[in-house]
């Protein structure tokens, strides 16, 4: 389950690059929509499309920022928003911990 995911965020815009264990690279660009009024805080991956223009479904998630790591738990495509930080069922329904890249 060690999959390398590179996430770059500038404002609301985000780009993601996933490298599978087989070495396949999957890239996408879209927007992050945050909801800080909920507990846990909500995050939606919206308007994402791949390098070939293929559109991806929206994904509801929750997030937590404690110090440097950025922790995200995705519900997966067409699944409800998770309520806790644990892996779910289906593709992309997992917990990801992002760390700031070192220069």
N, C-alpha and C. Protein backbone atom coordinates (compact mmCIF):
# COMPACT_ATOMS: atom_id res chain seq x y z
N UNK A 1 0.81 -1.20 0.00
CA UNK A 1 0.00 0.00 0.00
C UNK A 1 0.85 1.25 0.00
N UNK A 2 2.14 1.09 -0.21
CA UNK A 2 3.01 2.26 -0.30
C UNK A 2 2.99 2.78 -1.73
N UNK A 3 2.10 3.71 -1.97
CA UNK A 3 1.96 4.31 -3.29
C UNK A 3 2.41 5.76 -3.17
N UNK A 4 3.27 6.17 -4.06
CA UNK A 4 3.78 7.54 -4.03
C UNK A 4 2.75 8.46 -4.68
N UNK A 5 2.33 9.47 -3.93
CA UNK A 5 1.37 10.46 -4.43
C UNK A 5 2.00 11.83 -4.22
N UNK A 6 2.12 12.58 -5.29
CA UNK A 6 2.64 13.95 -5.21
C UNK A 6 1.47 14.89 -5.40
N UNK A 7 1.26 15.78 -4.44
CA UNK A 7 0.17 16.74 -4.48
C UNK A 7 0.76 18.14 -4.43
N UNK A 8 0.39 18.96 -5.42
CA UNK A 8 0.79 20.36 -5.44
C UNK A 8 -0.47 21.21 -5.39
N UNK A 9 -0.49 22.16 -4.45
CA UNK A 9 -1.66 23.01 -4.25
C UNK A 9 -1.24 24.46 -4.37
N UNK A 10 -1.99 25.21 -5.18
CA UNK A 10 -1.79 26.65 -5.31
C UNK A 10 -3.16 27.29 -5.26
N UNK A 11 -3.46 27.92 -4.11
CA UNK A 11 -4.82 28.43 -3.92
C UNK A 11 -5.77 27.26 -3.84
N UNK A 12 -6.80 27.27 -4.68
CA UNK A 12 -7.74 26.14 -4.73
C UNK A 12 -7.37 25.10 -5.78
N UNK A 13 -6.47 25.47 -6.68
CA UNK A 13 -6.05 24.57 -7.75
C UNK A 13 -5.09 23.51 -7.21
N UNK A 14 -5.23 22.30 -7.72
CA UNK A 14 -4.38 21.20 -7.27
C UNK A 14 -4.01 20.31 -8.45
N UNK A 15 -2.81 19.77 -8.38
CA UNK A 15 -2.40 18.75 -9.34
C UNK A 15 -1.88 17.56 -8.55
N UNK A 16 -2.17 16.37 -9.06
CA UNK A 16 -1.82 15.14 -8.38
C UNK A 16 -1.10 14.23 -9.35
N UNK A 17 -0.07 13.58 -8.86
CA UNK A 17 0.61 12.55 -9.64
C UNK A 17 0.72 11.32 -8.75
N UNK A 18 0.20 10.20 -9.24
CA UNK A 18 0.24 8.93 -8.51
C UNK A 18 1.15 7.99 -9.28
N UNK A 19 2.05 7.33 -8.56
CA UNK A 19 2.91 6.32 -9.18
C UNK A 19 2.55 4.99 -8.54
N UNK A 20 2.02 4.06 -9.35
CA UNK A 20 1.61 2.76 -8.84
C UNK A 20 2.85 1.89 -8.56
N UNK A 21 2.69 0.81 -7.81
CA UNK A 21 3.82 -0.09 -7.57
C UNK A 21 4.42 -0.66 -8.87
N UNK A 22 3.63 -0.68 -9.94
CA UNK A 22 4.11 -1.16 -11.23
C UNK A 22 4.82 -0.07 -12.03
N UNK A 23 4.89 1.14 -11.48
CA UNK A 23 5.58 2.24 -12.15
C UNK A 23 4.71 3.06 -13.08
N UNK A 24 3.41 2.81 -13.10
CA UNK A 24 2.49 3.57 -13.95
C UNK A 24 2.23 4.93 -13.29
N UNK A 25 2.33 6.01 -14.07
CA UNK A 25 2.08 7.36 -13.56
C UNK A 25 0.69 7.82 -14.01
N UNK A 26 -0.08 8.30 -13.04
CA UNK A 26 -1.41 8.83 -13.31
C UNK A 26 -1.41 10.27 -12.84
N UNK A 27 -1.75 11.19 -13.75
CA UNK A 27 -1.75 12.62 -13.41
C UNK A 27 -3.16 13.18 -13.54
N UNK A 28 -3.46 14.15 -12.67
CA UNK A 28 -4.74 14.83 -12.75
C UNK A 28 -4.64 16.24 -12.22
N UNK A 29 -5.55 17.10 -12.70
CA UNK A 29 -5.62 18.48 -12.23
C UNK A 29 -7.07 18.80 -11.93
N UNK A 30 -7.27 19.62 -10.91
CA UNK A 30 -8.61 20.02 -10.54
C UNK A 30 -8.58 21.05 -9.43
N UNK A 31 -9.57 20.97 -8.56
CA UNK A 31 -9.72 21.97 -7.51
C UNK A 31 -10.07 21.30 -6.18
N UNK A 32 -9.60 21.90 -5.09
CA UNK A 32 -9.95 21.44 -3.75
C UNK A 32 -10.95 22.42 -3.15
N UNK A 33 -12.02 21.88 -2.61
CA UNK A 33 -13.02 22.72 -1.94
C UNK A 33 -13.02 22.29 -0.47
N UNK A 34 -12.70 23.24 0.43
CA UNK A 34 -12.60 22.95 1.86
C UNK A 34 -13.83 23.43 2.61
N UNK A 35 -14.18 22.70 3.67
CA UNK A 35 -15.24 23.11 4.57
C UNK A 35 -14.69 23.01 5.99
N UNK A 36 -14.30 24.16 6.53
CA UNK A 36 -13.71 24.19 7.87
C UNK A 36 -14.76 24.25 8.97
N UNK A 37 -16.04 24.34 8.60
CA UNK A 37 -17.11 24.44 9.59
C UNK A 37 -17.54 23.08 10.13
N UNK A 38 -17.13 22.00 9.49
CA UNK A 38 -17.53 20.66 9.93
C UNK A 38 -16.44 20.05 10.79
N UNK A 39 -16.82 19.01 11.53
CA UNK A 39 -15.85 18.29 12.34
C UNK A 39 -16.02 16.81 12.09
N UNK A 40 -15.08 16.07 11.52
CA UNK A 40 -13.82 16.60 11.02
C UNK A 40 -14.02 17.50 9.80
N UNK A 41 -13.02 18.26 9.48
CA UNK A 41 -13.11 19.21 8.37
C UNK A 41 -13.31 18.47 7.05
N UNK A 42 -14.12 19.08 6.16
CA UNK A 42 -14.42 18.46 4.88
C UNK A 42 -13.56 18.96 3.75
N UNK A 43 -13.33 18.08 2.79
CA UNK A 43 -12.55 18.41 1.60
C UNK A 43 -13.22 17.70 0.43
N UNK A 44 -13.41 18.40 -0.68
CA UNK A 44 -13.95 17.79 -1.89
C UNK A 44 -12.94 17.96 -3.02
N UNK A 45 -12.67 16.86 -3.72
CA UNK A 45 -11.84 16.88 -4.92
C UNK A 45 -12.81 17.08 -6.08
N UNK A 46 -12.80 18.26 -6.70
CA UNK A 46 -13.79 18.58 -7.73
C UNK A 46 -13.12 19.00 -9.04
N UNK A 47 -13.80 18.70 -10.14
CA UNK A 47 -13.35 19.14 -11.45
C UNK A 47 -12.03 18.54 -11.88
N UNK A 48 -11.69 17.36 -11.38
CA UNK A 48 -10.41 16.74 -11.76
C UNK A 48 -10.53 16.03 -13.09
N UNK A 49 -9.48 16.16 -13.89
CA UNK A 49 -9.38 15.43 -15.15
C UNK A 49 -7.95 14.98 -15.33
N UNK A 50 -7.79 13.91 -16.09
CA UNK A 50 -6.47 13.36 -16.34
C UNK A 50 -5.76 14.09 -17.46
N UNK A 51 -4.52 13.68 -17.70
CA UNK A 51 -3.72 14.30 -18.75
C UNK A 51 -4.36 14.13 -20.12
N UNK A 52 -5.17 13.06 -20.28
CA UNK A 52 -5.85 12.81 -21.56
C UNK A 52 -7.21 13.49 -21.64
N UNK A 53 -7.56 14.29 -20.62
CA UNK A 53 -8.83 15.00 -20.61
C UNK A 53 -9.97 14.23 -19.99
N UNK A 54 -9.72 12.97 -19.61
CA UNK A 54 -10.78 12.16 -18.97
C UNK A 54 -11.16 12.79 -17.64
N UNK A 55 -12.46 12.99 -17.43
CA UNK A 55 -12.95 13.59 -16.19
C UNK A 55 -13.12 12.52 -15.12
N UNK A 56 -12.78 12.88 -13.87
CA UNK A 56 -12.92 11.99 -12.73
C UNK A 56 -14.12 12.42 -11.90
N UNK A 57 -14.82 11.49 -11.27
CA UNK A 57 -15.94 11.88 -10.41
C UNK A 57 -15.44 12.64 -9.18
N UNK A 58 -16.31 13.45 -8.60
CA UNK A 58 -15.96 14.16 -7.37
C UNK A 58 -15.75 13.15 -6.26
N UNK A 59 -14.85 13.48 -5.33
CA UNK A 59 -14.58 12.61 -4.20
C UNK A 59 -14.70 13.43 -2.93
N UNK A 60 -15.56 12.98 -2.01
CA UNK A 60 -15.72 13.62 -0.72
C UNK A 60 -14.70 13.04 0.25
N UNK A 61 -14.09 13.91 1.05
CA UNK A 61 -13.05 13.48 1.97
C UNK A 61 -13.12 14.30 3.25
N UNK A 62 -12.29 13.92 4.21
CA UNK A 62 -12.06 14.71 5.41
C UNK A 62 -10.57 14.96 5.50
N UNK A 63 -10.18 16.01 6.23
CA UNK A 63 -8.75 16.30 6.34
C UNK A 63 -8.41 16.81 7.73
N UNK A 64 -7.11 16.74 8.03
CA UNK A 64 -6.59 17.18 9.31
C UNK A 64 -5.18 17.70 9.08
N UNK A 65 -4.89 18.85 9.64
CA UNK A 65 -3.53 19.38 9.59
C UNK A 65 -3.06 19.54 11.02
N UNK A 66 -2.07 18.75 11.38
CA UNK A 66 -1.45 18.84 12.71
C UNK A 66 0.04 18.99 12.50
N UNK A 67 0.55 20.20 12.57
CA UNK A 67 1.96 20.41 12.29
C UNK A 67 2.23 20.30 10.80
N UNK A 68 3.26 19.58 10.44
CA UNK A 68 3.67 19.48 9.03
C UNK A 68 2.82 18.52 8.20
N UNK A 69 2.46 17.32 8.69
CA UNK A 69 1.70 16.42 7.81
C UNK A 69 0.29 16.93 7.52
N UNK A 70 -0.18 16.59 6.34
CA UNK A 70 -1.53 16.90 5.88
C UNK A 70 -2.20 15.55 5.69
N UNK A 71 -3.17 15.23 6.51
CA UNK A 71 -3.81 13.92 6.51
C UNK A 71 -5.18 14.01 5.84
N UNK A 72 -5.42 13.13 4.87
CA UNK A 72 -6.67 13.12 4.11
C UNK A 72 -7.24 11.71 4.11
N UNK A 73 -8.54 11.59 4.32
CA UNK A 73 -9.22 10.31 4.19
C UNK A 73 -10.31 10.49 3.14
N UNK A 74 -10.15 9.79 2.02
CA UNK A 74 -11.10 9.88 0.91
C UNK A 74 -12.20 8.85 1.05
N UNK A 75 -13.41 9.24 0.65
CA UNK A 75 -14.52 8.30 0.62
C UNK A 75 -14.52 7.45 -0.64
N UNK A 76 -13.83 7.91 -1.67
CA UNK A 76 -13.83 7.21 -2.95
C UNK A 76 -14.91 7.77 -3.86
N UNK A 77 -14.80 7.51 -5.17
CA UNK A 77 -15.78 8.03 -6.12
C UNK A 77 -17.20 7.56 -5.81
N UNK A 78 -18.12 8.51 -5.80
CA UNK A 78 -19.55 8.25 -5.58
C UNK A 78 -19.87 7.65 -4.22
N UNK A 79 -18.95 7.74 -3.27
CA UNK A 79 -19.18 7.25 -1.91
C UNK A 79 -19.41 8.43 -0.98
N UNK A 80 -20.07 8.19 0.16
CA UNK A 80 -20.27 9.30 1.10
C UNK A 80 -18.96 9.74 1.75
N UNK A 81 -19.01 10.91 2.35
CA UNK A 81 -17.84 11.45 3.05
C UNK A 81 -17.55 10.58 4.28
N UNK A 82 -16.31 10.19 4.50
CA UNK A 82 -15.98 9.41 5.70
C UNK A 82 -16.20 10.26 6.95
N UNK A 83 -16.38 9.60 8.07
CA UNK A 83 -16.55 10.31 9.33
C UNK A 83 -15.36 10.12 10.26
N UNK A 84 -14.45 9.21 9.87
CA UNK A 84 -13.24 8.98 10.66
C UNK A 84 -12.08 8.61 9.73
N UNK A 85 -10.87 8.70 10.26
CA UNK A 85 -9.68 8.46 9.47
C UNK A 85 -9.31 6.97 9.48
N UNK A 86 -9.98 6.22 8.60
CA UNK A 86 -9.65 4.81 8.41
C UNK A 86 -10.01 4.43 6.98
N UNK A 87 -9.28 3.47 6.41
CA UNK A 87 -9.55 3.07 5.02
C UNK A 87 -10.98 2.57 4.86
N UNK A 88 -11.56 2.86 3.69
CA UNK A 88 -12.91 2.42 3.38
C UNK A 88 -12.89 1.33 2.33
N UNK A 89 -14.04 1.08 1.75
CA UNK A 89 -14.18 0.07 0.71
C UNK A 89 -14.11 0.74 -0.66
N UNK A 90 -13.46 0.10 -1.59
CA UNK A 90 -13.43 0.59 -2.96
C UNK A 90 -12.18 1.37 -3.28
N UNK A 91 -12.09 1.71 -4.55
CA UNK A 91 -10.92 2.41 -5.07
C UNK A 91 -10.83 3.83 -4.49
N UNK A 92 -9.66 4.24 -4.13
CA UNK A 92 -9.33 5.56 -3.59
C UNK A 92 -9.93 5.85 -2.22
N UNK A 93 -10.64 4.90 -1.61
CA UNK A 93 -11.23 5.10 -0.28
C UNK A 93 -10.16 4.73 0.76
N UNK A 94 -9.25 5.66 0.99
CA UNK A 94 -8.10 5.35 1.83
C UNK A 94 -7.62 6.59 2.56
N UNK A 95 -6.70 6.39 3.49
CA UNK A 95 -6.08 7.48 4.24
C UNK A 95 -4.72 7.78 3.62
N UNK A 96 -4.44 9.06 3.40
CA UNK A 96 -3.17 9.49 2.83
C UNK A 96 -2.55 10.53 3.75
N UNK A 97 -1.26 10.42 3.97
CA UNK A 97 -0.53 11.40 4.77
C UNK A 97 0.51 12.05 3.85
N UNK A 98 0.35 13.35 3.64
CA UNK A 98 1.25 14.11 2.79
C UNK A 98 2.23 14.88 3.64
N UNK A 99 3.49 14.85 3.26
CA UNK A 99 4.51 15.63 3.94
C UNK A 99 5.09 16.63 2.96
N UNK A 100 5.47 17.78 3.47
CA UNK A 100 6.05 18.81 2.63
C UNK A 100 7.36 18.31 2.03
N UNK A 101 7.53 18.52 0.74
CA UNK A 101 8.75 18.08 0.06
C UNK A 101 9.95 18.86 0.60
N UNK A 102 11.06 18.16 0.72
CA UNK A 102 12.29 18.81 1.17
C UNK A 102 12.99 19.39 -0.05
N UNK A 103 13.55 20.58 0.10
CA UNK A 103 14.27 21.23 -1.00
C UNK A 103 15.53 20.50 -1.35
